[in-house]
Amino acid sequence: MNDTETRLRDYLNAKADTVPDSAHGPGLELDSTGTSTRRRWAPMALAAAGIAAVLTLSVPFLHGLVTHDDQPSVSGLPARGPVSAGAPKIPYTTLVQNNPDNPLDTWWAAIHDGGKTVKNPGVKGNVVARTEGGWLVNTGYPDPDKAQVAVVSTSGKVRPVGPLGGFGPRVSPDGQQFAVALSKYGRAENRVVVVDIRTGKEVSSLTVKTPNLELVGWNKDGIWFGEHSPDPVPVKLWQPGSKDVRTVGTFGPGSLHMTRSNNIVTHITFKGGQSCVTAATLAAKGLEAKREYCFKAPVAAAYVTVSPDGATMTISNIGVAVDIATGKVTKMRLPATTKWFEDALFEDPDNIIVVDESGPAQKLFRCAVATGECKQVAVAKSDEMIQQVQP
């Protein structure tokens, strides 16, 4: 999902206040941790459209191969056999809607992972990723000064790791470390801090003259960061252990996404009534485009995920997988009633797990990116919402 960060919530809320309550749209609401609560409230959907419009202001740093793929869906990917209906191999959490103990639905009720279910031991925050011995989580809501990353074990024990006040954790490509931003409003200098998950010790840090610092992501090229702003800002890159910091380009809020296991970066823009997703790699002069796919934009920003091997990108809003090398497209064959196909995650290079929000109970489907075949693999209770978690 677009994957949108915590403090972008404030910008969304400001935009939502300008939209009439009678407006209609597919809906996007961010809770206080920046997580989509998947309520279908039209004002927040139209607020997300404001983000998409801002993306048009991004300074173009993309060059090279650019192809518009408005074409019939024809898979260019090899089929890998029939789709399994077995349980998801990646974790997900469930949130109980309208829970009197959690009135804003801002933290998870249980983690489900490989047949194991762990109830929330009192953490008020997000589950970030699976890690050694359990799952990496955010804590500290609603007080950002008390924010801290922790590991929740498979027995439900909570082990805080890293500095107090650190937020926006990004896991390293090898899964052994995470980075957080230490940033306070109004402070000119802030820090990027890298922590070893097993020991909880700080192993590297960088002081930057970047106000409202936020981390964009961490992939094989390094840690990407910039200033949190509703306007396009310079995005910089730092490889832990190095003293060099590089400015990659200027980009709008929420327009860059990356997968930690590869070096593919996706850049989302909004052009004349279309959303465009460009898969690119880092080059000497910025991002070098490998594939661009444009489509008629819904009233929301695009949700993009790249496979672990960097070969395929999915665009959840329209339910397609795009082969980055060839540009050929596979349409996911989900039920016709499927709604708000967002937050797709790759279970492996060949399959994605997606959430269907239609009907009284949300469902999880496994879809093959080569063939588009989909099978239901899990269903939530009628009062629960599903949030997928990075493996």
Foldseek 3Di string as FASTA:
>chain_A
DLPFAQVCLVQLVVQLVVDDQPDAAQQFHAFNGRDTPRDRRRSSLLSQLLLQQQQQQFDDLAADDEDAPPDPFDFPDDDDDDDDLAAFQFKKFKFFACDPVCNRSQETQWIDHPNQIDGAPDFRFAFAAAAVQATKTWHDPPHLQQIFIWGQGSHGDTGTAEDRNWDQWAAALVRQKIWTWRADAPDQKTKIWIAGRVVSDTDFMDIDRAHCKHWQYQAPQATWIHHDDQHWTFIWGDHTPDPDIGTQGTGGRSQWDDDHLDFWIWGWHAPDQKIKIFTFGQDPRHTYTQYIYIDRDGSRTWAWDAANVRQWMATQQQQWIAGSNPRRIEHAPDPPQFGDFHDWDDSHRFWIWTWGPDDQWIWIWIAGNRHNYIDTRGIDDSRMDMGTYHD
